[in-house]
Amino acid sequence: MHHGIRAAHAQATPRPLPLLADPVREVRHRVAYLTGLRTGHEGLAVRALGERAHSEPDPLIAAVMTGGVARHDVAGRAAWLSGALASRHLPAVRAATAWGFARAGLPWTTEVTSAVAEA
């Protein structure tokens, strides 16, 4: 059964990605959460979440998107995650980025500590 659910999710992943920019907050939140799960289309999910995360106006949704990027492809997105630590980003995004650093075992820097403290 678990395989069947995963297969259905993988097949459906590309369809809701345009809704990451939906004007309704709850729609963006749910799509960001589902897209951040393991999907079978991780590359597509990472690109969509990464492109949208820095322009998302809602801090919680931006953090969910950042966490989705971190969950899927931390090694390949280490530079992107480092950029997400910049002080110009929302504290929630920076905290989600710190979670990504911890999850991947990336070096814990003063920037990561600052992100956690400010969140």
PDB file of N, CA and C in Angstrom:
ATOM      1  N   MET A   1       0.821  -1.192   0.000  1.00  0.00           N
ATOM      2  CA  MET A   1       0.000   0.000   0.000  1.00  0.00           C
ATOM      3  C   MET A   1       0.867   1.259   0.000  1.00  0.00           C
ATOM      4  N   HIS A   2       1.909   1.262   0.828  1.00  0.00           N
ATOM      5  CA  HIS A   2       2.799   2.423   0.904  1.00  0.00           C
ATOM      6  C   HIS A   2       3.404   2.722  -0.465  1.00  0.00           C
ATOM      7  N   HIS A   3       3.790   1.665  -1.204  1.00  0.00           N
ATOM      8  CA  HIS A   3       4.349   1.847  -2.547  1.00  0.00           C
ATOM      9  C   HIS A   3       3.325   2.485  -3.484  1.00  0.00           C
ATOM     10  N   GLY A   4       2.079   2.070  -3.350  1.00  0.00           N
ATOM     11  CA  GLY A   4       1.020   2.614  -4.192  1.00  0.00           C
ATOM     12  C   GLY A   4       0.798   4.093  -3.950  1.00  0.00           C
ATOM     13  N   ILE A   5       0.849   4.488  -2.696  1.00  0.00           N
ATOM     14  CA  ILE A   5       0.682   5.903  -2.351  1.00  0.00           C
ATOM     15  C   ILE A   5       1.843   6.710  -2.909  1.00  0.00           C
ATOM     16  N   ARG A   6       3.057   6.196  -2.720  1.00  0.00           N
ATOM     17  CA  ARG A   6       4.243   6.890  -3.228  1.00  0.00           C
ATOM     18  C   ARG A   6       4.193   7.020  -4.754  1.00  0.00           C
ATOM     19  N   ALA A   7       3.767   5.974  -5.441  1.00  0.00           N
ATOM     20  CA  ALA A   7       3.682   6.008  -6.901  1.00  0.00           C
ATOM     21  C   ALA A   7       2.648   7.036  -7.365  1.00  0.00           C
ATOM     22  N   ALA A   8       1.508   7.083  -6.694  1.00  0.00           N
ATOM     23  CA  ALA A   8       0.479   8.060  -7.052  1.00  0.00           C
ATOM     24  C   ALA A   8       0.969   9.482  -6.820  1.00  0.00           C
ATOM     25  N   HIS A   9       1.675   9.684  -5.715  1.00  0.00           N
ATOM     26  CA  HIS A   9       2.218  11.003  -5.409  1.00  0.00           C
ATOM     27  C   HIS A   9       3.241  11.407  -6.464  1.00  0.00           C
ATOM     28  N   ALA A  10       4.115  10.472  -6.851  1.00  0.00           N
ATOM     29  CA  ALA A  10       5.130  10.764  -7.864  1.00  0.00           C
ATOM     30  C   ALA A  10       4.485  11.138  -9.190  1.00  0.00           C
ATOM     31  N   GLN A  11       3.454  10.431  -9.561  1.00  0.00           N
ATOM     32  CA  GLN A  11       2.781  10.702 -10.831  1.00  0.00           C
ATOM     33  C   GLN A  11       2.113  12.079 -10.821  1.00  0.00           C
ATOM     34  N   ALA A  12       1.599  12.476  -9.672  1.00  0.00           N
ATOM     35  CA  ALA A  12       0.852  13.730  -9.588  1.00  0.00           C
ATOM     36  C   ALA A  12       1.726  14.944  -9.299  1.00  0.00           C
ATOM     37  N   THR A  13       2.977  14.759  -8.900  1.00  0.00           N
ATOM     38  CA  THR A  13       3.825  15.876  -8.462  1.00  0.00           C
ATOM     39  C   THR A  13       3.851  17.058  -9.417  1.00  0.00           C
ATOM     40  N   PRO A  14       4.049  16.875 -10.705  1.00  0.00           N
ATOM     41  CA  PRO A  14       4.159  18.048 -11.582  1.00  0.00           C
ATOM     42  C   PRO A  14       2.883  18.896 -11.687  1.00  0.00           C
ATOM     43  N   ARG A  15       1.740  18.286 -11.519  1.00  0.00           N
ATOM     44  CA  ARG A  15       0.480  18.991 -11.747  1.00  0.00           C
ATOM     45  C   ARG A  15       0.241  20.202 -10.853  1.00  0.00           C
ATOM     46  N   PRO A  16       0.446  20.118  -9.539  1.00  0.00           N
ATOM     47  CA  PRO A  16       0.116  21.276  -8.704  1.00  0.00           C
ATOM     48  C   PRO A  16       1.211  22.342  -8.612  1.00  0.00           C
ATOM     49  N   LEU A  17       2.377  22.144  -9.222  1.00  0.00           N
ATOM     50  CA  LEU A  17       3.476  23.099  -9.044  1.00  0.00           C
ATOM     51  C   LEU A  17       3.113  24.541  -9.400  1.00  0.00           C
ATOM     52  N   PRO A  18       2.318  24.794 -10.433  1.00  0.00           N
ATOM     53  CA  PRO A  18       1.923  26.189 -10.692  1.00  0.00           C
ATOM     54  C   PRO A  18       1.160  26.825  -9.525  1.00  0.00           C
ATOM     55  N   LEU A  19       0.560  25.993  -8.674  1.00  0.00           N
ATOM     56  CA  LEU A  19      -0.197  26.516  -7.534  1.00  0.00           C
ATOM     57  C   LEU A  19       0.700  27.040  -6.420  1.00  0.00           C
ATOM     58  N   LEU A  20       2.022  26.860  -6.533  1.00  0.00           N
ATOM     59  CA  LEU A  20       2.934  27.465  -5.559  1.00  0.00           C
ATOM     60  C   LEU A  20       2.844  28.993  -5.608  1.00  0.00           C
ATOM     61  N   ALA A  21       2.313  29.531  -6.689  1.00  0.00           N
ATOM     62  CA  ALA A  21       2.138  30.978  -6.823  1.00  0.00           C
ATOM     63  C   ALA A  21       0.670  31.398  -6.743  1.00  0.00           C
ATOM     64  N   ASP A  22      -0.189  30.515  -6.285  1.00  0.00           N
ATOM     65  CA  ASP A  22      -1.614  30.816  -6.179  1.00  0.00           C
ATOM     66  C   ASP A  22      -1.836  31.996  -5.237  1.00  0.00           C
ATOM     67  N   PRO A  23      -2.815  32.849  -5.512  1.00  0.00           N
ATOM     68  CA  PRO A  23      -3.069  33.983  -4.616  1.00  0.00           C
ATOM     69  C   PRO A  23      -3.628  33.582  -3.244  1.00  0.00           C
ATOM     70  N   VAL A  24      -4.148  32.373  -3.120  1.00  0.00           N
ATOM     71  CA  VAL A  24      -4.719  31.927  -1.847  1.00  0.00           C
ATOM     72  C   VAL A  24      -3.625  31.285  -0.999  1.00  0.00           C
ATOM     73  N   ARG A  25      -3.401  31.861   0.173  1.00  0.00           N
ATOM     74  CA  ARG A  25      -2.336  31.422   1.069  1.00  0.00           C
ATOM     75  C   ARG A  25      -2.410  29.934   1.385  1.00  0.00           C
ATOM     76  N   GLU A  26      -3.578  29.459   1.758  1.00  0.00           N
ATOM     77  CA  GLU A  26      -3.737  28.055   2.151  1.00  0.00           C
ATOM     78  C   GLU A  26      -3.401  27.107   1.002  1.00  0.00           C
ATOM     79  N   VAL A  27      -3.719  27.485  -0.215  1.00  0.00           N
ATOM     80  CA  VAL A  27      -3.377  26.649  -1.372  1.00  0.00           C
ATOM     81  C   VAL A  27      -1.859  26.559  -1.508  1.00  0.00           C
ATOM     82  N   ARG A  28      -1.177  27.709  -1.426  1.00  0.00           N
ATOM     83  CA  ARG A  28       0.300  27.713  -1.532  1.00  0.00           C
ATOM     84  C   ARG A  28       0.916  26.866  -0.424  1.00  0.00           C
ATOM     85  N   HIS A  29       0.388  26.990   0.795  1.00  0.00           N
ATOM     86  CA  HIS A  29       0.934  26.250   1.929  1.00  0.00           C
ATOM     87  C   HIS A  29       0.804  24.743   1.714  1.00  0.00           C
ATOM     88  N   ARG A  30      -0.366  24.288   1.335  1.00  0.00           N
ATOM     89  CA  ARG A  30      -0.583  22.854   1.145  1.00  0.00           C
ATOM     90  C   ARG A  30       0.254  22.300  -0.003  1.00  0.00           C
ATOM     91  N   VAL A  31       0.328  23.049  -1.097  1.00  0.00           N
ATOM     92  CA  VAL A  31       1.127  22.587  -2.239  1.00  0.00           C
ATOM     93  C   VAL A  31       2.608  22.562  -1.875  1.00  0.00           C
ATOM     94  N   ALA A  32       3.072  23.567  -1.139  1.00  0.00           N
ATOM     95  CA  ALA A  32       4.480  23.586  -0.715  1.00  0.00           C
ATOM     96  C   ALA A  32       4.786  22.389   0.174  1.00  0.00           C
ATOM     97  N   TYR A  33       3.899  22.097   1.105  1.00  0.00           N
ATOM     98  CA  TYR A  33       4.106  20.960   2.002  1.00  0.00           C
ATOM     99  C   TYR A  33       4.167  19.651   1.225  1.00  0.00           C
ATOM    100  N   LEU A  34       3.178  19.417   0.366  1.00  0.00           N
ATOM    101  CA  LEU A  34       3.144  18.170  -0.396  1.00  0.00           C
ATOM    102  C   LEU A  34       4.323  18.050  -1.349  1.00  0.00           C
ATOM    103  N   THR A  35       4.717  19.159  -1.952  1.00  0.00           N
ATOM    104  CA  THR A  35       5.845  19.140  -2.881  1.00  0.00           C
ATOM    105  C   THR A  35       7.142  18.850  -2.144  1.00  0.00           C
ATOM    106  N   GLY A  36       7.225  19.259  -0.890  1.00  0.00           N
ATOM    107  CA  GLY A  36       8.431  19.021  -0.103  1.00  0.00           C
ATOM    108  C   GLY A  36       8.610  17.595   0.363  1.00  0.00           C
ATOM    109  N   LEU A  37       7.609  16.752   0.200  1.00  0.00           N
ATOM    110  CA  LEU A  37       7.728  15.343   0.576  1.00  0.00           C
ATOM    111  C   LEU A  37       8.476  14.583  -0.516  1.00  0.00           C
ATOM    112  N   ARG A  38       8.954  13.414  -0.197  1.00  0.00           N
ATOM    113  CA  ARG A  38       9.609  12.575  -1.217  1.00  0.00           C
ATOM    114  C   ARG A  38       8.575  12.249  -2.291  1.00  0.00           C
ATOM    115  N   THR A  39       8.929  12.508  -3.534  1.00  0.00           N
ATOM    116  CA  THR A  39       7.928  12.427  -4.584  1.00  0.00           C
ATOM    117  C   THR A  39       8.273  11.526  -5.749  1.00  0.00           C
ATOM    118  N   GLY A  40       9.519  11.224  -5.970  1.00  0.00           N
ATOM    119  CA  GLY A  40       9.907  10.546  -7.196  1.00  0.00           C
ATOM    120  C   GLY A  40      10.269  11.548  -8.279  1.00  0.00           C
ATOM    121  N   HIS A  41       9.980  12.812  -8.033  1.00  0.00           N
ATOM    122  CA  HIS A  41      10.341  13.912  -8.932  1.00  0.00           C
ATOM    123  C   HIS A  41      11.120  14.948  -8.131  1.00  0.00           C
ATOM    124  N   GLU A  42      12.111  14.504  -7.378  1.00  0.00           N
ATOM    125  CA  GLU A  42      12.818  15.405  -6.478  1.00  0.00           C
ATOM    126  C   GLU A  42      13.443  16.587  -7.209  1.00  0.00           C
ATOM    127  N   GLY A  43      14.050  16.338  -8.379  1.00  0.00           N
ATOM    128  CA  GLY A  43      14.678  17.434  -9.129  1.00  0.00           C
ATOM    129  C   GLY A  43      13.668  18.510  -9.492  1.00  0.00           C
ATOM    130  N   LEU A  44      12.523  18.093  -9.982  1.00  0.00           N
ATOM    131  CA  LEU A  44      11.459  19.032 -10.331  1.00  0.00           C
ATOM    132  C   LEU A  44      10.954  19.763  -9.093  1.00  0.00           C
ATOM    133  N   ALA A  45      10.769  19.032  -8.002  1.00  0.00           N
ATOM    134  CA  ALA A  45      10.286  19.641  -6.760  1.00  0.00           C
ATOM    135  C   ALA A  45      11.286  20.653  -6.218  1.00  0.00           C
ATOM    136  N   VAL A  46      12.558  20.295  -6.208  1.00  0.00           N
ATOM    137  CA  VAL A  46      13.602  21.193  -5.693  1.00  0.00           C
ATOM    138  C   VAL A  46      13.656  22.475  -6.517  1.00  0.00           C
ATOM    139  N   ARG A  47      13.617  22.356  -7.825  1.00  0.00           N
ATOM    140  CA  ARG A  47      13.639  23.560  -8.672  1.00  0.00           C
ATOM    141  C   ARG A  47      12.441  24.456  -8.395  1.00  0.00           C
ATOM    142  N   ALA A  48      11.252  23.863  -8.346  1.00  0.00           N
ATOM    143  CA  ALA A  48      10.036  24.660  -8.135  1.00  0.00           C
ATOM    144  C   ALA A  48      10.038  25.334  -6.771  1.00  0.00           C
ATOM    145  N   LEU A  49      10.393  24.590  -5.733  1.00  0.00           N
ATOM    146  CA  LEU A  49      10.411  25.156  -4.389  1.00  0.00           C
ATOM    147  C   LEU A  49      11.500  26.222  -4.259  1.00  0.00           C
ATOM    148  N   GLY A  50      12.674  25.938  -4.801  1.00  0.00           N
ATOM    149  CA  GLY A  50      13.786  26.882  -4.720  1.00  0.00           C
ATOM    150  C   GLY A  50      13.510  28.180  -5.454  1.00  0.00           C
ATOM    151  N   GLU A  51      12.883  28.084  -6.615  1.00  0.00           N
ATOM    152  CA  GLU A  51      12.563  29.287  -7.384  1.00  0.00           C
ATOM    153  C   GLU A  51      11.538  30.150  -6.664  1.00  0.00           C
ATOM    154  N   ARG A  52      10.604  29.525  -5.999  1.00  0.00           N
ATOM    155  CA  ARG A  52       9.514  30.265  -5.362  1.00  0.00           C
ATOM    156  C   ARG A  52       9.836  30.726  -3.938  1.00  0.00           C
ATOM    157  N   ALA A  53      10.689  30.014  -3.233  1.00  0.00           N
ATOM    158  CA  ALA A  53      10.898  30.270  -1.801  1.00  0.00           C
ATOM    159  C   ALA A  53      11.303  31.704  -1.497  1.00  0.00           C
ATOM    160  N   HIS A  54      12.193  32.272  -2.275  1.00  0.00           N
ATOM    161  CA  HIS A  54      12.703  33.609  -1.958  1.00  0.00           C
ATOM    162  C   HIS A  54      11.744  34.738  -2.341  1.00  0.00           C
ATOM    163  N   SER A  55      10.714  34.416  -3.102  1.00  0.00           N
ATOM    164  CA  SER A  55       9.742  35.456  -3.439  1.00  0.00           C
ATOM    165  C   SER A  55       8.407  35.263  -2.718  1.00  0.00           C
ATOM    166  N   GLU A  56       8.299  34.198  -1.935  1.00  0.00           N
ATOM    167  CA  GLU A  56       7.063  33.920  -1.196  1.00  0.00           C
ATOM    168  C   GLU A  56       6.902  34.937  -0.072  1.00  0.00           C
ATOM    169  N   PRO A  57       5.773  35.665  -0.047  1.00  0.00           N
ATOM    170  CA  PRO A  57       5.598  36.699   0.968  1.00  0.00           C
ATOM    171  C   PRO A  57       5.260  36.183   2.368  1.00  0.00           C
ATOM    172  N   ASP A  58       4.724  34.980   2.481  1.00  0.00           N
ATOM    173  CA  ASP A  58       4.342  34.442   3.782  1.00  0.00           C
ATOM    174  C   ASP A  58       5.532  33.700   4.394  1.00  0.00           C
ATOM    175  N   PRO A  59       6.002  34.125   5.566  1.00  0.00           N
ATOM    176  CA  PRO A  59       7.194  33.506   6.159  1.00  0.00           C
ATOM    177  C   PRO A  59       7.061  32.007   6.411  1.00  0.00           C
ATOM    178  N   LEU A  60       5.898  31.550   6.867  1.00  0.00           N
ATOM    179  CA  LEU A  60       5.710  30.133   7.131  1.00  0.00           C
ATOM    180  C   LEU A  60       5.806  29.321   5.839  1.00  0.00           C
ATOM    181  N   ILE A  61       5.170  29.797   4.799  1.00  0.00           N
ATOM    182  CA  ILE A  61       5.195  29.072   3.523  1.00  0.00           C
ATOM    183  C   ILE A  61       6.598  29.094   2.934  1.00  0.00           C
ATOM    184  N   ALA A  62       7.279  30.218   3.039  1.00  0.00           N
ATOM    185  CA  ALA A  62       8.659  30.294   2.553  1.00  0.00           C
ATOM    186  C   ALA A  62       9.549  29.302   3.303  1.00  0.00           C
ATOM    187  N   ALA A  63       9.316  29.149   4.596  1.00  0.00           N
ATOM    188  CA  ALA A  63      10.086  28.188   5.392  1.00  0.00           C
ATOM    189  C   ALA A  63       9.761  26.757   4.977  1.00  0.00           C
ATOM    190  N   VAL A  64       8.496  26.467   4.709  1.00  0.00           N
ATOM    191  CA  VAL A  64       8.108  25.128   4.239  1.00  0.00           C
ATOM    192  C   VAL A  64       8.796  24.830   2.911  1.00  0.00           C
ATOM    193  N   MET A  65       8.833  25.811   2.023  1.00  0.00           N
ATOM    194  CA  MET A  65       9.498  25.626   0.732  1.00  0.00           C
ATOM    195  C   MET A  65      10.993  25.386   0.907  1.00  0.00           C
ATOM    196  N   THR A  66      11.616  26.163   1.769  1.00  0.00           N
ATOM    197  CA  THR A  66      13.050  26.003   2.034  1.00  0.00           C
ATOM    198  C   THR A  66      13.331  24.639   2.650  1.00  0.00           C
ATOM    199  N   GLY A  67      12.489  24.221   3.571  1.00  0.00           N
ATOM    200  CA  GLY A  67      12.643  22.897   4.163  1.00  0.00           C
ATOM    201  C   GLY A  67      12.494  21.786   3.137  1.00  0.00           C
ATOM    202  N   GLY A  68      11.608  21.974   2.177  1.00  0.00           N
ATOM    203  CA  GLY A  68      11.450  20.991   1.101  1.00  0.00           C
ATOM    204  C   GLY A  68      12.700  20.872   0.255  1.00  0.00           C
ATOM    205  N   VAL A  69      13.325  22.006  -0.036  1.00  0.00           N
ATOM    206  CA  VAL A  69      14.589  21.976  -0.779  1.00  0.00           C
ATOM    207  C   VAL A  69      15.626  21.213   0.032  1.00  0.00           C
ATOM    208  N   ALA A  70      15.727  21.526   1.310  1.00  0.00           N
ATOM    209  CA  ALA A  70      16.712  20.875   2.174  1.00  0.00           C
ATOM    210  C   ALA A  70      16.443  19.375   2.298  1.00  0.00           C
ATOM    211  N   ARG A  71      15.197  18.994   2.345  1.00  0.00           N
ATOM    212  CA  ARG A  71      14.838  17.584   2.513  1.00  0.00           C
ATOM    213  C   ARG A  71      15.247  16.763   1.296  1.00  0.00           C
ATOM    214  N   HIS A  72      15.149  17.339   0.121  1.00  0.00           N
ATOM    215  CA  HIS A  72      15.387  16.586  -1.111  1.00  0.00           C
ATOM    216  C   HIS A  72      16.845  16.518  -1.547  1.00  0.00           C
ATOM    217  N   ASP A  73      17.539  17.622  -1.525  1.00  0.00           N
ATOM    218  CA  ASP A  73      18.812  17.678  -2.244  1.00  0.00           C
ATOM    219  C   ASP A  73      19.783  18.618  -1.556  1.00  0.00           C
ATOM    220  N   VAL A  74      20.123  18.318  -0.322  1.00  0.00           N
ATOM    221  CA  VAL A  74      20.987  19.222   0.424  1.00  0.00           C
ATOM    222  C   VAL A  74      22.376  19.302  -0.203  1.00  0.00           C
ATOM    223  N   ALA A  75      22.950  18.172  -0.549  1.00  0.00           N
ATOM    224  CA  ALA A  75      24.312  18.192  -1.098  1.00  0.00           C
ATOM    225  C   ALA A  75      24.373  19.017  -2.378  1.00  0.00           C
ATOM    226  N   GLY A  76      23.407  18.841  -3.250  1.00  0.00           N
ATOM    227  CA  GLY A  76      23.394  19.570  -4.507  1.00  0.00           C
ATOM    228  C   GLY A  76      22.980  21.020  -4.356  1.00  0.00           C
ATOM    229  N   ARG A  77      22.354  21.354  -3.243  1.00  0.00           N
ATOM    230  CA  ARG A  77      21.854  22.710  -3.040  1.00  0.00           C
ATOM    231  C   ARG A  77      22.554  23.417  -1.895  1.00  0.00           C
ATOM    232  N   ALA A  78      23.739  22.960  -1.509  1.00  0.00           N
ATOM    233  CA  ALA A  78      24.453  23.575  -0.384  1.00  0.00           C
ATOM    234  C   ALA A  78      24.688  25.059  -0.623  1.00  0.00           C
ATOM    235  N   ALA A  79      25.058  25.433  -1.848  1.00  0.00           N
ATOM    236  CA  ALA A  79      25.283  26.853  -2.156  1.00  0.00           C
ATOM    237  C   ALA A  79      23.969  27.632  -2.039  1.00  0.00           C
ATOM    238  N   TRP A  80      22.875  27.041  -2.513  1.00  0.00           N
ATOM    239  CA  TRP A  80      21.565  27.701  -2.421  1.00  0.00           C
ATOM    240  C   TRP A  80      21.190  27.879  -0.958  1.00  0.00           C
ATOM    241  N   LEU A  81      21.403  26.840  -0.166  1.00  0.00           N
ATOM    242  CA  LEU A  81      21.091  26.930   1.259  1.00  0.00           C
ATOM    243  C   LEU A  81      21.949  27.987   1.941  1.00  0.00           C
ATOM    244  N   SER A  82      23.219  28.065   1.575  1.00  0.00           N
ATOM    245  CA  SER A  82      24.090  29.095   2.159  1.00  0.00           C
ATOM    246  C   SER A  82      23.558  30.478   1.840  1.00  0.00           C
ATOM    247  N   GLY A  83      23.088  30.677   0.614  1.00  0.00           N
ATOM    248  CA  GLY A  83      22.506  31.961   0.233  1.00  0.00           C
ATOM    249  C   GLY A  83      21.231  32.273   0.995  1.00  0.00           C
ATOM    250  N   ALA A  84      20.490  31.230   1.364  1.00  0.00           N
ATOM    251  CA  ALA A  84      19.240  31.425   2.100  1.00  0.00           C
ATOM    252  C   ALA A  84      19.488  31.848   3.543  1.00  0.00           C
ATOM    253  N   LEU A  85      20.737  31.804   3.988  1.00  0.00           N
ATOM    254  CA  LEU A  85      21.070  32.270   5.338  1.00  0.00           C
ATOM    255  C   LEU A  85      21.231  33.785   5.396  1.00  0.00           C
ATOM    256  N   ALA A  86      21.279  34.436   4.256  1.00  0.00           N
ATOM    257  CA  ALA A  86      21.516  35.882   4.215  1.00  0.00           C
ATOM    258  C   ALA A  86      20.468  36.636   5.027  1.00  0.00           C
ATOM    259  N   SER A  87      20.896  37.691   5.668  1.00  0.00           N
ATOM    260  CA  SER A  87      20.005  38.444   6.552  1.00  0.00           C
ATOM    261  C   SER A  87      18.832  39.085   5.816  1.00  0.00           C
ATOM    262  N   ARG A  88      18.902  39.203   4.502  1.00  0.00           N
ATOM    263  CA  ARG A  88      17.780  39.785   3.741  1.00  0.00           C
ATOM    264  C   ARG A  88      16.567  38.852   3.706  1.00  0.00           C
ATOM    265  N   HIS A  89      16.776  37.576   4.056  1.00  0.00           N
ATOM    266  CA  HIS A  89      15.682  36.615   4.045  1.00  0.00           C
ATOM    267  C   HIS A  89      14.954  36.618   5.386  1.00  0.00           C
ATOM    268  N   LEU A  90      13.717  36.196   5.341  1.00  0.00           N
ATOM    269  CA  LEU A  90      12.881  36.153   6.535  1.00  0.00           C
ATOM    270  C   LEU A  90      13.480  35.211   7.576  1.00  0.00           C
ATOM    271  N   PRO A  91      13.326  35.526   8.857  1.00  0.00           N
ATOM    272  CA  PRO A  91      13.857  34.648   9.908  1.00  0.00           C
ATOM    273  C   PRO A  91      13.367  33.203   9.792  1.00  0.00           C
ATOM    274  N   ALA A  92      12.123  32.997   9.396  1.00  0.00           N
ATOM    275  CA  ALA A  92      11.607  31.629   9.262  1.00  0.00           C
ATOM    276  C   ALA A  92      12.344  30.868   8.169  1.00  0.00           C
ATOM    277  N   VAL A  93      12.683  31.553   7.091  1.00  0.00           N
ATOM    278  CA  VAL A  93      13.436  30.918   6.005  1.00  0.00           C
ATOM    279  C   VAL A  93      14.833  30.559   6.491  1.00  0.00           C
ATOM    280  N   ARG A  94      15.433  31.483   7.216  1.00  0.00           N
ATOM    281  CA  ARG A  94      16.783  31.240   7.731  1.00  0.00           C
ATOM    282  C   ARG A  94      16.785  30.078   8.724  1.00  0.00           C
ATOM    283  N   ALA A  95      15.752  29.970   9.556  1.00  0.00           N
ATOM    284  CA  ALA A  95      15.664  28.853  10.508  1.00  0.00           C
ATOM    285  C   ALA A  95      15.478  27.529   9.769  1.00  0.00           C
ATOM    286  N   ALA A  96      14.641  27.516   8.731  1.00  0.00           N
ATOM    287  CA  ALA A  96      14.465  26.295   7.941  1.00  0.00           C
ATOM    288  C   ALA A  96      15.773  25.907   7.260  1.00  0.00           C
ATOM    289  N   THR A  97      16.538  26.897   6.861  1.00  0.00           N
ATOM    290  CA  THR A  97      17.843  26.637   6.253  1.00  0.00           C
ATOM    291  C   THR A  97      18.787  26.012   7.269  1.00  0.00           C
ATOM    292  N   ALA A  98      18.765  26.505   8.492  1.00  0.00           N
ATOM    293  CA  ALA A  98      19.604  25.931   9.544  1.00  0.00           C
ATOM    294  C   ALA A  98      19.233  24.464   9.769  1.00  0.00           C
ATOM    295  N   TRP A  99      17.941  24.165   9.736  1.00  0.00           N
ATOM    296  CA  TRP A  99      17.491  22.775   9.848  1.00  0.00           C
ATOM    297  C   TRP A  99      18.097  21.941   8.720  1.00  0.00           C
ATOM    298  N   GLY A 100      18.115  22.503   7.508  1.00  0.00           N
ATOM    299  CA  GLY A 100      18.707  21.798   6.377  1.00  0.00           C
ATOM    300  C   GLY A 100      20.192  21.532   6.588  1.00  0.00           C
ATOM    301  N   PHE A 101      20.895  22.508   7.138  1.00  0.00           N
ATOM    302  CA  PHE A 101      22.318  22.319   7.441  1.00  0.00           C
ATOM    303  C   PHE A 101      22.497  21.177   8.442  1.00  0.00           C
ATOM    304  N   ALA A 102      21.698  21.179   9.494  1.00  0.00           N
ATOM    305  CA  ALA A 102      21.814  20.138  10.517  1.00  0.00           C
ATOM    306  C   ALA A 102      21.476  18.770   9.943  1.00  0.00           C
ATOM    307  N   ARG A 103      20.429  18.702   9.166  1.00  0.00           N
ATOM    308  CA  ARG A 103      19.988  17.438   8.572  1.00  0.00           C
ATOM    309  C   ARG A 103      21.052  16.829   7.670  1.00  0.00           C
ATOM    310  N   ALA A 104      21.763  17.684   6.929  1.00  0.00           N
ATOM    311  CA  ALA A 104      22.747  17.203   5.964  1.00  0.00           C
ATOM    312  C   ALA A 104      24.136  17.041   6.560  1.00  0.00           C
ATOM    313  N   GLY A 105      24.319  17.510   7.777  1.00  0.00           N
ATOM    314  CA  GLY A 105      25.646  17.452   8.365  1.00  0.00           C
ATOM    315  C   GLY A 105      26.607  18.454   7.749  1.00  0.00           C
ATOM    316  N   LEU A 106      26.055  19.529   7.187  1.00  0.00           N
ATOM    317  CA  LEU A 106      26.903  20.584   6.635  1.00  0.00           C
ATOM    318  C   LEU A 106      27.557  21.340   7.792  1.00  0.00           C
ATOM    319  N   PRO A 107      28.672  21.993   7.536  1.00  0.00           N
ATOM    320  CA  PRO A 107      29.360  22.715   8.615  1.00  0.00           C
ATOM    321  C   PRO A 107      28.457  23.747   9.284  1.00  0.00           C
ATOM    322  N   TRP A 108      28.457  23.745  10.608  1.00  0.00           N
ATOM    323  CA  TRP A 108      27.646  24.681  11.394  1.00  0.00           C
ATOM    324  C   TRP A 108      28.469  25.945  11.590  1.00  0.00           C
ATOM    325  N   THR A 109      28.088  26.999  10.898  1.00  0.00           N
ATOM    326  CA  THR A 109      28.853  28.245  10.902  1.00  0.00           C
ATOM    327  C   THR A 109      28.212  29.278  11.820  1.00  0.00           C
ATOM    328  N   THR A 110      28.885  30.400  11.996  1.00  0.00           N
ATOM    329  CA  THR A 110      28.301  31.488  12.784  1.00  0.00           C
ATOM    330  C   THR A 110      27.045  32.028  12.112  1.00  0.00           C
ATOM    331  N   GLU A 111      26.993  31.961  10.773  1.00  0.00           N
ATOM    332  CA  GLU A 111      25.791  32.405  10.064  1.00  0.00           C
ATOM    333  C   GLU A 111      24.592  31.521  10.407  1.00  0.00           C
ATOM    334  N   VAL A 112      24.834  30.217  10.520  1.00  0.00           N
ATOM    335  CA  VAL A 112      23.749  29.299  10.871  1.00  0.00           C
ATOM    336  C   VAL A 112      23.290  29.568  12.307  1.00  0.00           C
ATOM    337  N   THR A 113      24.235  29.764  13.191  1.00  0.00           N
ATOM    338  CA  THR A 113      23.889  30.072  14.586  1.00  0.00           C
ATOM    339  C   THR A 113      23.082  31.369  14.656  1.00  0.00           C
ATOM    340  N   SER A 114      23.496  32.383  13.908  1.00  0.00           N
ATOM    341  CA  SER A 114      22.771  33.662  13.885  1.00  0.00           C
ATOM    342  C   SER A 114      21.354  33.472  13.365  1.00  0.00           C
ATOM    343  N   ALA A 115      21.198  32.651  12.338  1.00  0.00           N
ATOM    344  CA  ALA A 115      19.865  32.401  11.767  1.00  0.00           C
ATOM    345  C   ALA A 115      18.944  31.806  12.807  1.00  0.00           C
ATOM    346  N   VAL A 116      19.448  30.849  13.579  1.00  0.00           N
ATOM    347  CA  VAL A 116      18.648  30.226  14.623  1.00  0.00           C
ATOM    348  C   VAL A 116      18.305  31.227  15.706  1.00  0.00           C
ATOM    349  N   ALA A 117      19.293  31.995  16.140  1.00  0.00           N
ATOM    350  CA  ALA A 117      19.080  32.972  17.213  1.00  0.00           C
ATOM    351  C   ALA A 117      18.053  34.033  16.810  1.00  0.00           C
ATOM    352  N   GLU A 118      18.097  34.478  15.563  1.00  0.00           N
ATOM    353  CA  GLU A 118      17.196  35.537  15.116  1.00  0.00           C
ATOM    354  C   GLU A 118      15.779  35.008  14.873  1.00  0.00           C
ATOM    355  N   ALA A 119      15.665  33.716  14.592  1.00  0.00           N
ATOM    356  CA  ALA A 119      14.331  33.149  14.355  1.00  0.00           C
ATOM    357  C   ALA A 119      13.588  33.015  15.673  1.00  0.00           C
TER     358      ALA A 119
END
